[in-house]
Amino acid sequence: MTLSYSLELPTQRVEDPAEFVSATAIAEVAQAAEAAGYAAVHVTDHPAPDTKWLDHGGHHALDPFVALSFAAAATSTIKLLTNVYIAAYRNPLLGAKSIQSLQVLSEGRLIIGTAAGYLKPEFRSLGVDFDNRGALLDEALDVLGQVLSGEDVAYQGVNFQTRGVRLRPVPSSPPPIWIGGNSKPAVRRAVSRGQGWAPFNTFGYATASRTAEISTVDELESAIRWAKSYAAEIGRTAPLDICFSAGNLLDDSKSADERHAVIDRLTSAGVTWLPVAHPGRDRSEVIERAQVFAKEFIVTD
């Protein structure tokens, strides 16, 4: 099984906007990723992060669809991944319109990684019921399915009601949907509703992220076994992409041999995608480190 890699666009680096958070920066990093053999570039989603979270390790983010549209315009083949998009932050029709638009304009290169979310103050700031976030994600998935099928949308939601809404243009193919999160509800949602599951390395902050801890390969292997058993239980036969954000398991402090060993175990466990990030003092260093990593780890034809 060939493992696919996604490179993070460093759009959270707002301390130096000209260097990292500019159209030129997004284009250059995306183009370098495409040339080096990365299968995707990815961004995250934080429209209203609170200062307490930011001051204790949190980060800013550009709007994911705006950022990825700039990456799409500068490239031709690389996939565009939201890792992850919090669907509950937006009215489901507005979210579906953004997804539909980028899928059309990128000629089918979008992958939607989405999740229920965990940052309670951000939900509060956006006027969204945090405790109802799972149901709101399901609503968004329901509406998105109708929009991408070309159907006229009729839906009674918790906070909205629509009938006879028609969104155009319809993409020639829908984007894959990967559901993020480590909890059993997240796994069940991914297996029953999505084309992929996106667990992540909690790296000691499972409580803060309000999900089950996965901070070792052993824990990930156990979670994947449970996901596969649930798939068998509900009769799922379609393959399930597993996109694991490995975090410190693959950081630059480890030797190439150590990282190869981790990657081999992840692949054997069933991981099909690995998002990676490369720090750097400027974008030239980010690109250089991404290229070095690609030469060592990415298998190209």
Protein backbone atom coordinates (compact mmCIF):
# COMPACT_ATOMS: atom_id res chain seq x y z
CA MET A 1 0.00 0.00 0.00
CA THR A 2 1.37 3.39 -1.00
CA LEU A 3 1.12 6.08 1.65
CA SER A 4 0.05 9.57 0.54
CA TYR A 5 1.37 12.71 2.20
CA SER A 6 -0.21 16.13 2.65
CA LEU A 7 1.89 19.22 3.36
CA GLU A 8 0.56 21.91 5.69
CA LEU A 9 0.40 25.39 4.23
CA PRO A 10 1.92 27.57 7.00
CA THR A 11 -0.94 30.04 7.04
CA GLN A 12 -1.04 30.08 10.84
CA ARG A 13 2.27 31.98 10.80
CA VAL A 14 0.63 35.38 11.21
CA GLU A 15 3.63 36.83 13.01
CA ASP A 16 5.15 37.40 9.56
CA PRO A 17 2.25 37.79 7.12
CA ALA A 18 4.32 38.81 4.11
CA GLU A 19 6.48 35.72 4.47
CA PHE A 20 3.81 33.12 5.26
CA VAL A 21 0.28 34.52 4.89
CA SER A 22 0.26 35.97 1.41
CA ALA A 23 -0.91 34.88 -2.01
CA THR A 24 2.70 34.47 -3.10
CA ALA A 25 3.56 32.34 -0.06
CA ILE A 26 0.59 30.02 -0.55
CA ALA A 27 1.38 29.66 -4.25
CA GLU A 28 5.09 28.95 -3.73
CA VAL A 29 4.59 26.36 -0.99
CA ALA A 30 1.77 24.63 -2.89
CA GLN A 31 3.80 24.53 -6.09
CA ALA A 32 6.83 23.14 -4.25
CA ALA A 33 4.65 20.47 -2.63
CA GLU A 34 3.23 19.43 -5.99
CA ALA A 35 6.70 19.25 -7.56
CA ALA A 36 8.11 17.25 -4.63
CA GLY A 37 5.44 14.56 -4.82
CA TYR A 38 3.11 15.45 -1.99
CA ALA A 39 -0.41 14.28 -2.78
CA ALA A 40 -2.15 17.23 -1.08
CA VAL A 41 -1.74 20.47 0.77
CA HIS A 42 -3.89 21.19 3.80
CA VAL A 43 -5.11 23.93 6.12
CA THR A 44 -7.18 24.05 9.27
CA ASP A 45 -10.21 26.08 10.36
CA HIS A 46 -10.35 28.60 13.22
CA PRO A 47 -12.54 31.60 12.33
CA ALA A 48 -12.75 32.98 15.89
CA PRO A 49 -10.01 31.61 18.19
CA ASP A 50 -10.02 32.99 21.72
CA THR A 51 -7.01 34.70 23.29
CA LYS A 52 -6.62 32.17 26.12
CA TRP A 53 -6.27 29.32 23.63
CA LEU A 54 -3.95 31.35 21.41
CA ASP A 55 -1.75 32.27 24.39
CA HIS A 56 -1.41 28.60 25.39
CA GLY A 57 -0.36 27.02 22.12
CA GLY A 58 -3.33 27.69 19.83
CA HIS A 59 -2.99 29.22 16.40
CA HIS A 60 -4.68 31.42 13.85
CA ALA A 61 -5.92 30.22 10.47
CA LEU A 62 -7.05 31.75 7.22
CA ASP A 63 -10.49 30.81 5.96
CA PRO A 64 -9.84 27.29 4.62
CA PHE A 65 -11.69 27.70 1.33
CA VAL A 66 -10.10 31.05 0.52
CA ALA A 67 -6.61 29.72 1.33
CA LEU A 68 -7.10 26.52 -0.67
CA SER A 69 -8.52 28.44 -3.62
CA PHE A 70 -5.20 30.31 -3.90
CA ALA A 71 -3.35 26.99 -3.74
CA ALA A 72 -5.66 25.56 -6.40
CA ALA A 73 -5.05 28.48 -8.74
CA ALA A 74 -1.28 28.03 -8.49
CA THR A 75 -1.26 24.25 -9.10
CA SER A 76 -2.81 21.69 -11.41
CA THR A 77 -2.87 18.22 -9.83
CA ILE A 78 -2.30 18.37 -6.08
CA LYS A 79 -5.29 17.67 -3.82
CA LEU A 80 -6.70 20.30 -1.47
CA LEU A 81 -7.49 19.04 2.04
CA THR A 82 -9.35 20.71 4.89
CA ASN A 83 -7.74 19.25 7.99
CA VAL A 84 -10.19 19.90 9.47
CA TYR A 85 -13.21 22.02 8.57
CA ILE A 86 -15.70 22.58 11.41
CA ALA A 87 -18.99 22.36 9.58
CA ALA A 88 -21.08 23.38 12.60
CA TYR A 89 -19.53 26.87 12.55
CA ARG A 90 -21.50 27.74 9.40
CA ASN A 91 -25.02 27.45 8.12
CA PRO A 92 -25.03 24.13 6.20
CA LEU A 93 -26.01 25.80 2.92
CA LEU A 94 -23.23 28.37 3.19
CA GLY A 95 -20.76 25.61 3.95
CA ALA A 96 -22.04 23.52 1.05
CA LYS A 97 -21.74 26.48 -1.31
CA SER A 98 -18.06 26.96 -0.37
CA ILE A 99 -17.37 23.26 -0.86
CA GLN A 100 -19.27 23.12 -4.13
CA SER A 101 -17.52 26.23 -5.45
CA LEU A 102 -13.99 25.06 -4.67
CA GLN A 103 -14.66 21.56 -6.01
CA VAL A 104 -15.83 23.05 -9.31
CA LEU A 105 -13.04 25.62 -9.61
CA SER A 106 -10.29 23.13 -8.68
CA GLU A 107 -11.67 20.58 -11.17
CA GLY A 108 -12.37 17.98 -8.51
CA ARG A 109 -9.30 18.22 -6.28
CA LEU A 110 -10.97 18.90 -2.93
CA ILE A 111 -10.98 16.51 0.04
CA ILE A 112 -13.21 17.53 2.93
CA GLY A 113 -11.82 16.60 6.30
CA THR A 114 -14.42 17.66 8.83
CA ALA A 115 -15.14 17.14 12.51
CA ALA A 116 -17.47 18.14 15.32
CA GLY A 117 -14.92 20.56 16.82
CA TYR A 118 -13.68 21.05 20.37
CA LEU A 119 -12.94 24.74 21.05
CA LYS A 120 -15.88 25.75 23.24
CA PRO A 121 -15.18 29.53 23.30
CA GLU A 122 -15.06 29.57 19.49
CA PHE A 123 -18.52 28.01 19.34
CA ARG A 124 -19.76 30.60 21.82
CA SER A 125 -18.31 33.48 19.80
CA LEU A 126 -19.96 32.19 16.65
CA GLY A 127 -23.33 31.71 18.35
CA VAL A 128 -23.31 27.94 17.89
CA ASP A 129 -24.50 25.43 20.50
CA PHE A 130 -21.37 23.53 21.53
CA ASP A 131 -23.28 20.68 23.16
CA ASN A 132 -25.20 20.05 19.94
CA ARG A 133 -22.14 20.02 17.67
CA GLY A 134 -22.43 16.35 16.69
CA ALA A 135 -26.00 16.75 15.50
CA LEU A 136 -25.05 19.96 13.67
CA LEU A 137 -22.27 18.10 11.85
CA ASP A 138 -24.78 15.44 10.81
CA GLU A 139 -27.11 18.17 9.51
CA ALA A 140 -24.29 19.66 7.47
CA LEU A 141 -23.44 16.26 5.99
CA ASP A 142 -27.11 15.67 5.12
CA VAL A 143 -27.41 19.01 3.33
CA LEU A 144 -24.05 18.64 1.60
CA GLY A 145 -25.09 15.27 0.22
CA GLN A 146 -28.22 16.78 -1.31
CA VAL A 147 -26.34 19.75 -2.76
CA LEU A 148 -23.60 17.62 -4.32
CA SER A 149 -26.15 15.24 -5.83
CA GLY A 150 -27.84 18.13 -7.63
CA GLU A 151 -31.10 17.59 -5.77
CA ASP A 152 -33.31 20.47 -4.73
CA VAL A 153 -32.65 20.84 -1.02
CA ALA A 154 -35.47 20.38 1.46
CA TYR A 155 -34.42 20.16 5.08
CA GLN A 156 -35.70 20.96 8.56
CA GLY A 157 -32.69 21.76 10.70
CA VAL A 158 -32.29 22.75 14.31
CA ASN A 159 -31.79 26.41 13.42
CA PHE A 160 -32.95 26.63 9.81
CA GLN A 161 -35.59 25.38 7.43
CA THR A 162 -35.33 25.19 3.66
CA ARG A 163 -37.34 23.77 0.81
CA GLY A 164 -36.79 23.96 -2.90
CA VAL A 165 -33.28 25.43 -2.73
CA ARG A 166 -31.17 24.65 -5.80
CA LEU A 167 -27.40 25.22 -5.79
CA ARG A 168 -25.45 25.29 -9.04
CA PRO A 169 -23.10 24.42 -10.62
CA VAL A 170 -22.95 20.81 -9.48
CA PRO A 171 -19.39 19.36 -9.46
CA SER A 172 -18.79 16.47 -11.86
CA SER A 173 -17.77 14.38 -8.83
CA PRO A 174 -18.28 14.93 -5.11
CA PRO A 175 -15.23 15.39 -2.87
CA PRO A 176 -14.37 12.56 -0.49
CA ILE A 177 -15.54 13.21 3.07
CA TRP A 178 -13.21 12.27 5.91
CA ILE A 179 -14.56 12.54 9.46
CA GLY A 180 -12.06 13.60 12.12
CA GLY A 181 -11.83 12.80 15.81
CA ASN A 182 -10.71 9.94 18.03
CA SER A 183 -13.92 9.24 19.94
CA LYS A 184 -16.20 6.28 19.25
CA PRO A 185 -18.96 8.60 17.91
CA ALA A 186 -16.43 10.12 15.48
CA VAL A 187 -15.31 6.68 14.31
CA ARG A 188 -18.90 5.51 13.89
CA ARG A 189 -19.75 8.63 11.90
CA ALA A 190 -16.68 8.17 9.67
CA VAL A 191 -17.38 4.50 8.99
CA SER A 192 -21.10 4.92 8.40
CA ARG A 193 -21.09 8.27 6.56
CA GLY A 194 -17.68 9.01 5.11
CA GLN A 195 -14.99 7.80 2.78
CA GLY A 196 -12.31 8.23 5.42
CA TRP A 197 -11.49 8.66 9.09
CA ALA A 198 -9.05 11.31 10.35
CA PRO A 199 -7.73 10.52 13.85
CA PHE A 200 -4.97 12.65 15.32
CA ASN A 201 -2.14 12.39 17.80
CA THR A 202 -3.47 14.04 20.96
CA PHE A 203 0.10 14.62 22.24
CA GLY A 204 -1.06 15.02 25.84
CA TYR A 205 -4.06 17.28 25.20
CA ALA A 206 -6.89 14.79 24.84
CA THR A 207 -8.80 16.55 27.64
CA ALA A 208 -8.49 19.95 25.98
CA SER A 209 -9.56 18.55 22.61
CA ARG A 210 -12.42 16.58 24.20
CA THR A 211 -11.66 13.34 22.44
CA ALA A 212 -10.09 9.97 23.17
CA GLU A 213 -6.33 9.91 23.59
CA ILE A 214 -4.18 8.56 20.79
CA SER A 215 -0.57 9.43 21.52
CA THR A 216 1.21 6.19 20.62
CA VAL A 217 1.20 3.90 17.61
CA ASP A 218 -0.16 1.13 19.87
CA GLU A 219 -3.19 3.27 20.71
CA LEU A 220 -3.73 4.10 17.06
CA GLU A 221 -3.53 0.43 16.06
CA SER A 222 -6.14 -0.41 18.69
CA ALA A 223 -8.43 2.36 17.43
CA ILE A 224 -8.07 1.20 13.82
CA ARG A 225 -8.93 -2.36 14.84
CA TRP A 226 -12.10 -1.04 16.49
CA ALA A 227 -12.97 0.99 13.38
CA LYS A 228 -12.55 -2.09 11.19
CA SER A 229 -14.66 -4.21 13.54
CA TYR A 230 -17.40 -1.57 13.46
CA ALA A 231 -17.24 -1.49 9.67
CA ALA A 232 -17.73 -5.26 9.60
CA GLU A 233 -20.57 -4.97 12.11
CA ILE A 234 -22.55 -2.56 9.90
CA GLY A 235 -21.65 -4.37 6.68
CA ARG A 236 -19.37 -1.75 5.20
CA THR A 237 -17.31 -3.21 2.35
CA ALA A 238 -15.94 -0.02 0.77
CA PRO A 239 -12.33 0.85 1.63
CA LEU A 240 -11.81 3.45 4.37
CA ASP A 241 -9.04 6.01 4.03
CA ILE A 242 -7.30 6.70 7.33
CA CYS A 243 -5.62 10.10 7.54
CA PHE A 244 -3.55 10.28 10.73
CA SER A 245 -2.04 13.55 11.95
CA ALA A 246 1.00 12.04 13.66
CA GLY A 247 2.42 15.21 15.22
CA ASN A 248 5.47 14.55 17.41
CA LEU A 249 5.72 10.92 16.26
CA LEU A 250 7.36 12.20 13.08
CA ASP A 251 8.99 15.46 14.13
CA ASP A 252 12.43 16.56 12.97
CA SER A 253 14.08 15.60 16.27
CA LYS A 254 13.84 11.93 15.28
CA SER A 255 16.27 10.24 12.94
CA ALA A 256 15.28 9.10 9.47
CA ASP A 257 15.47 5.47 10.64
CA GLU A 258 13.13 6.19 13.57
CA ARG A 259 10.65 7.93 11.30
CA HIS A 260 10.82 5.14 8.72
CA ALA A 261 10.03 2.64 11.48
CA VAL A 262 7.02 4.69 12.62
CA ILE A 263 5.77 5.12 9.05
CA ASP A 264 6.10 1.38 8.40
CA ARG A 265 3.99 0.64 11.47
CA LEU A 266 1.38 3.22 10.51
CA THR A 267 1.12 1.80 7.01
CA SER A 268 0.84 -1.75 8.35
CA ALA A 269 -1.93 -0.60 10.68
CA GLY A 270 -3.94 0.76 7.74
CA VAL A 271 -3.02 4.46 7.60
CA THR A 272 -3.31 5.70 4.01
CA TRP A 273 -2.60 9.44 4.44
CA LEU A 274 -0.16 11.38 6.60
CA PRO A 275 -0.41 15.18 7.00
CA VAL A 276 2.99 16.68 7.82
CA ALA A 277 4.26 20.14 8.71
CA HIS A 278 7.75 21.52 8.39
CA PRO A 279 8.78 24.53 10.51
CA GLY A 280 11.13 27.15 9.15
CA ARG A 281 12.34 30.68 9.80
CA ASP A 282 10.99 31.70 6.39
CA ARG A 283 9.10 30.02 3.60
CA SER A 284 12.29 29.13 1.76
CA GLU A 285 13.30 27.01 4.75
CA VAL A 286 9.81 25.50 4.95
CA ILE A 287 10.07 24.54 1.29
CA GLU A 288 13.59 23.19 1.67
CA ARG A 289 12.60 20.99 4.61
CA ALA A 290 9.54 19.77 2.73
CA GLN A 291 11.74 18.83 -0.22
CA VAL A 292 14.26 17.01 2.00
CA PHE A 293 11.43 15.07 3.66
CA ALA A 294 9.94 14.18 0.28
CA LYS A 295 13.23 12.82 -1.04
CA GLU A 296 13.59 10.61 2.02
CA PHE A 297 10.04 9.37 2.53
CA ILE A 298 7.77 9.91 -0.47
CA VAL A 299 7.71 7.14 -3.04
CA THR A 300 7.10 8.51 -6.53
CA ASP A 301 6.68 6.65 -9.81
